Amino acid sequence: MGTNNKDAFRIHLGLFLAELLCVPAFVFELKRALGGNTLSWAYVFEWPILGLYAIYMWRKLLGEVHREQRGELRDVDVAHATRVEEEDDPQLKAWNDYLATLHALPPTAPTNQTGEPENLAD
């Protein structure tokens, strides 16, 4: 079983478990709402929405697995297309030079507001 097949199985299992939770919870809350518990009406609508969101995520994640199987790696292509060359950015070069000079300086002792060294033993 390949990696993509394992991923697809896990995605299917996740959907199954999500729906296994959402459907009985919806039925339970519906019975409570019809029995007079007014707060349960909010949950009557919440559980189906969560179930639909699980289906949405299932389709999205499964689509990514299928794209990987076909060799379409859109995210990698976009990352290469938007990469900024460091040599072409003068501000980035100036910042890196500034950081290099800071790292080359010797460390100094912390000072208080008057400029005198602090006694760290206190």
C-alpha atoms as a PDB file:
ATOM      1  CA  MET A   1       0.000   0.000   0.000  1.00  0.00           C
ATOM      2  CA  GLY A   2       1.618   3.256  -1.131  1.00  0.00           C
ATOM      3  CA  THR A   3       1.834   6.438   0.863  1.00  0.00           C
ATOM      4  CA  ASN A   4      -0.935   8.088  -1.132  1.00  0.00           C
ATOM      5  CA  ASN A   5      -3.197   5.079  -0.601  1.00  0.00           C
ATOM      6  CA  LYS A   6      -2.561   5.266   3.143  1.00  0.00           C
ATOM      7  CA  ASP A   7      -3.311   8.983   3.096  1.00  0.00           C
ATOM      8  CA  ALA A   8      -6.539   8.418   1.180  1.00  0.00           C
ATOM      9  CA  PHE A   9      -7.562   5.680   3.615  1.00  0.00           C
ATOM     10  CA  ARG A  10      -6.921   7.980   6.579  1.00  0.00           C
ATOM     11  CA  ILE A  11      -8.948  10.743   4.953  1.00  0.00           C
ATOM     12  CA  HIS A  12     -11.863   8.359   4.329  1.00  0.00           C
ATOM     13  CA  LEU A  13     -11.601   7.093   7.911  1.00  0.00           C
ATOM     14  CA  GLY A  14     -11.642  10.660   9.217  1.00  0.00           C
ATOM     15  CA  LEU A  15     -14.818  11.417   7.299  1.00  0.00           C
ATOM     16  CA  PHE A  16     -16.438   8.222   8.536  1.00  0.00           C
ATOM     17  CA  LEU A  17     -15.616   9.038  12.165  1.00  0.00           C
ATOM     18  CA  ALA A  18     -16.792  12.642  11.802  1.00  0.00           C
ATOM     19  CA  GLU A  19     -20.108  11.579  10.312  1.00  0.00           C
ATOM     20  CA  LEU A  20     -20.393   8.796  12.892  1.00  0.00           C
ATOM     21  CA  LEU A  21     -20.276  11.525  15.530  1.00  0.00           C
ATOM     22  CA  CYS A  22     -22.411  14.160  13.782  1.00  0.00           C
ATOM     23  CA  VAL A  23     -25.422  12.063  12.746  1.00  0.00           C
ATOM     24  CA  PRO A  24     -26.224  10.563  16.175  1.00  0.00           C
ATOM     25  CA  ALA A  25     -25.548  13.909  17.849  1.00  0.00           C
ATOM     26  CA  PHE A  26     -28.025  15.557  15.483  1.00  0.00           C
ATOM     27  CA  VAL A  27     -30.685  12.922  16.219  1.00  0.00           C
ATOM     28  CA  PHE A  28     -30.082  13.209  19.967  1.00  0.00           C
ATOM     29  CA  GLU A  29     -30.341  17.004  19.960  1.00  0.00           C
ATOM     30  CA  LEU A  30     -33.412  16.919  17.721  1.00  0.00           C
ATOM     31  CA  LYS A  31     -35.190  14.625  20.199  1.00  0.00           C
ATOM     32  CA  ARG A  32     -34.211  16.944  23.048  1.00  0.00           C
ATOM     33  CA  ALA A  33     -35.381  20.022  21.151  1.00  0.00           C
ATOM     34  CA  LEU A  34     -38.716  18.431  20.291  1.00  0.00           C
ATOM     35  CA  GLY A  35     -39.024  17.469  23.962  1.00  0.00           C
ATOM     36  CA  GLY A  36     -38.957  21.110  25.027  1.00  0.00           C
ATOM     37  CA  ASN A  37     -35.272  21.959  25.507  1.00  0.00           C
ATOM     38  CA  THR A  38     -34.987  25.226  23.586  1.00  0.00           C
ATOM     39  CA  LEU A  39     -31.178  25.383  23.788  1.00  0.00           C
ATOM     40  CA  SER A  40     -30.970  22.156  21.800  1.00  0.00           C
ATOM     41  CA  TRP A  41     -32.348  23.914  18.713  1.00  0.00           C
ATOM     42  CA  ALA A  42     -28.952  25.574  18.270  1.00  0.00           C
ATOM     43  CA  TYR A  43     -27.282  22.157  18.264  1.00  0.00           C
ATOM     44  CA  VAL A  44     -29.883  20.808  15.843  1.00  0.00           C
ATOM     45  CA  PHE A  45     -28.410  23.177  13.267  1.00  0.00           C
ATOM     46  CA  GLU A  46     -24.797  22.993  14.472  1.00  0.00           C
ATOM     47  CA  TRP A  47     -24.255  19.244  14.014  1.00  0.00           C
ATOM     48  CA  PRO A  48     -25.335  19.121  10.347  1.00  0.00           C
ATOM     49  CA  ILE A  49     -23.116  22.145   9.630  1.00  0.00           C
ATOM     50  CA  LEU A  50     -20.158  20.351  11.209  1.00  0.00           C
ATOM     51  CA  GLY A  51     -20.999  17.266   9.168  1.00  0.00           C
ATOM     52  CA  LEU A  52     -21.051  19.314   5.971  1.00  0.00           C
ATOM     53  CA  TYR A  53     -17.740  20.921   6.910  1.00  0.00           C
ATOM     54  CA  ALA A  54     -16.264  17.442   7.355  1.00  0.00           C
ATOM     55  CA  ILE A  55     -17.428  16.553   3.835  1.00  0.00           C
ATOM     56  CA  TYR A  56     -15.900  19.776   2.484  1.00  0.00           C
ATOM     57  CA  MET A  57     -12.542  19.026   4.119  1.00  0.00           C
ATOM     58  CA  TRP A  58     -12.727  15.397   2.949  1.00  0.00           C
ATOM     59  CA  ARG A  59     -13.120  16.507  -0.661  1.00  0.00           C
ATOM     60  CA  LYS A  60     -10.350  19.090  -0.347  1.00  0.00           C
ATOM     61  CA  LEU A  61      -7.841  16.704   1.253  1.00  0.00           C
ATOM     62  CA  LEU A  62      -8.715  13.884  -1.118  1.00  0.00           C
ATOM     63  CA  GLY A  63      -8.204  16.233  -4.067  1.00  0.00           C
ATOM     64  CA  GLU A  64      -4.703  17.022  -2.809  1.00  0.00           C
ATOM     65  CA  VAL A  65      -3.875  13.322  -2.598  1.00  0.00           C
ATOM     66  CA  HIS A  66      -5.128  12.754  -6.144  1.00  0.00           C
ATOM     67  CA  ARG A  67      -3.090  15.721  -7.438  1.00  0.00           C
ATOM     68  CA  GLU A  68       0.020  14.269  -5.812  1.00  0.00           C
ATOM     69  CA  GLN A  69      -0.669  10.926  -7.485  1.00  0.00           C
ATOM     70  CA  ARG A  70      -0.909  12.624 -10.865  1.00  0.00           C
ATOM     71  CA  GLY A  71       2.300  14.539 -10.201  1.00  0.00           C
ATOM     72  CA  GLU A  72       0.721  17.959 -10.050  1.00  0.00           C
ATOM     73  CA  LEU A  73       2.538  19.833  -7.326  1.00  0.00           C
ATOM     74  CA  ARG A  74       1.021  23.273  -7.646  1.00  0.00           C
ATOM     75  CA  ASP A  75       2.253  24.477  -4.256  1.00  0.00           C
ATOM     76  CA  VAL A  76       5.875  23.717  -5.149  1.00  0.00           C
ATOM     77  CA  ASP A  77       5.537  25.524  -8.477  1.00  0.00           C
ATOM     78  CA  VAL A  78       4.044  28.597  -6.794  1.00  0.00           C
ATOM     79  CA  ALA A  79       6.818  28.612  -4.190  1.00  0.00           C
ATOM     80  CA  HIS A  80       9.462  28.598  -6.926  1.00  0.00           C
ATOM     81  CA  ALA A  81       7.673  31.309  -8.881  1.00  0.00           C
ATOM     82  CA  THR A  82       7.423  33.672  -5.911  1.00  0.00           C
ATOM     83  CA  ARG A  83      10.953  33.215  -4.579  1.00  0.00           C
ATOM     84  CA  VAL A  84      12.829  36.499  -4.254  1.00  0.00           C
ATOM     85  CA  GLU A  85      16.491  36.444  -5.081  1.00  0.00           C
ATOM     86  CA  GLU A  86      18.458  37.861  -2.165  1.00  0.00           C
ATOM     87  CA  GLU A  87      21.090  39.462  -4.383  1.00  0.00           C
ATOM     88  CA  ASP A  88      18.466  41.588  -6.137  1.00  0.00           C
ATOM     89  CA  ASP A  89      17.116  43.198  -2.948  1.00  0.00           C
ATOM     90  CA  PRO A  90      19.391  46.017  -1.723  1.00  0.00           C
ATOM     91  CA  GLN A  91      17.405  46.548   1.487  1.00  0.00           C
ATOM     92  CA  LEU A  92      17.722  42.898   2.426  1.00  0.00           C
ATOM     93  CA  LYS A  93      21.454  43.011   1.727  1.00  0.00           C
ATOM     94  CA  ALA A  94      21.825  46.137   3.881  1.00  0.00           C
ATOM     95  CA  TRP A  95      19.878  44.490   6.701  1.00  0.00           C
ATOM     96  CA  ASN A  96      22.006  41.360   6.555  1.00  0.00           C
ATOM     97  CA  ASP A  97      25.174  43.484   6.608  1.00  0.00           C
ATOM     98  CA  TYR A  98      23.867  45.351   9.653  1.00  0.00           C
ATOM     99  CA  LEU A  99      23.126  42.081  11.455  1.00  0.00           C
ATOM    100  CA  ALA A 100      26.609  40.798  10.631  1.00  0.00           C
ATOM    101  CA  THR A 101      28.192  43.903  12.214  1.00  0.00           C
ATOM    102  CA  LEU A 102      26.057  43.461  15.329  1.00  0.00           C
ATOM    103  CA  HIS A 103      27.120  39.842  15.683  1.00  0.00           C
ATOM    104  CA  ALA A 104      30.761  40.831  15.260  1.00  0.00           C
ATOM    105  CA  LEU A 105      30.623  43.233  18.241  1.00  0.00           C
ATOM    106  CA  PRO A 106      31.731  41.892  21.629  1.00  0.00           C
ATOM    107  CA  PRO A 107      28.913  41.301  24.106  1.00  0.00           C
ATOM    108  CA  THR A 108      28.375  44.081  26.629  1.00  0.00           C
ATOM    109  CA  ALA A 109      27.219  43.925  30.228  1.00  0.00           C
ATOM    110  CA  PRO A 110      23.671  45.110  30.881  1.00  0.00           C
ATOM    111  CA  THR A 111      23.447  48.674  32.229  1.00  0.00           C
ATOM    112  CA  ASN A 112      20.869  50.488  34.312  1.00  0.00           C
ATOM    113  CA  GLN A 113      19.237  53.780  33.338  1.00  0.00           C
ATOM    114  CA  THR A 114      22.217  55.870  34.499  1.00  0.00           C
ATOM    115  CA  GLY A 115      24.600  53.928  32.269  1.00  0.00           C
ATOM    116  CA  GLU A 116      26.355  52.127  35.130  1.00  0.00           C
ATOM    117  CA  PRO A 117      26.782  48.344  34.941  1.00  0.00           C
ATOM    118  CA  GLU A 118      24.080  46.430  36.786  1.00  0.00           C
ATOM    119  CA  ASN A 119      24.937  44.139  39.647  1.00  0.00           C
ATOM    120  CA  LEU A 120      23.411  40.855  38.471  1.00  0.00           C
ATOM    121  CA  ALA A 121      24.084  39.148  41.809  1.00  0.00           C
ATOM    122  CA  ASP A 122      21.249  41.066  43.553  1.00  0.00           C
END
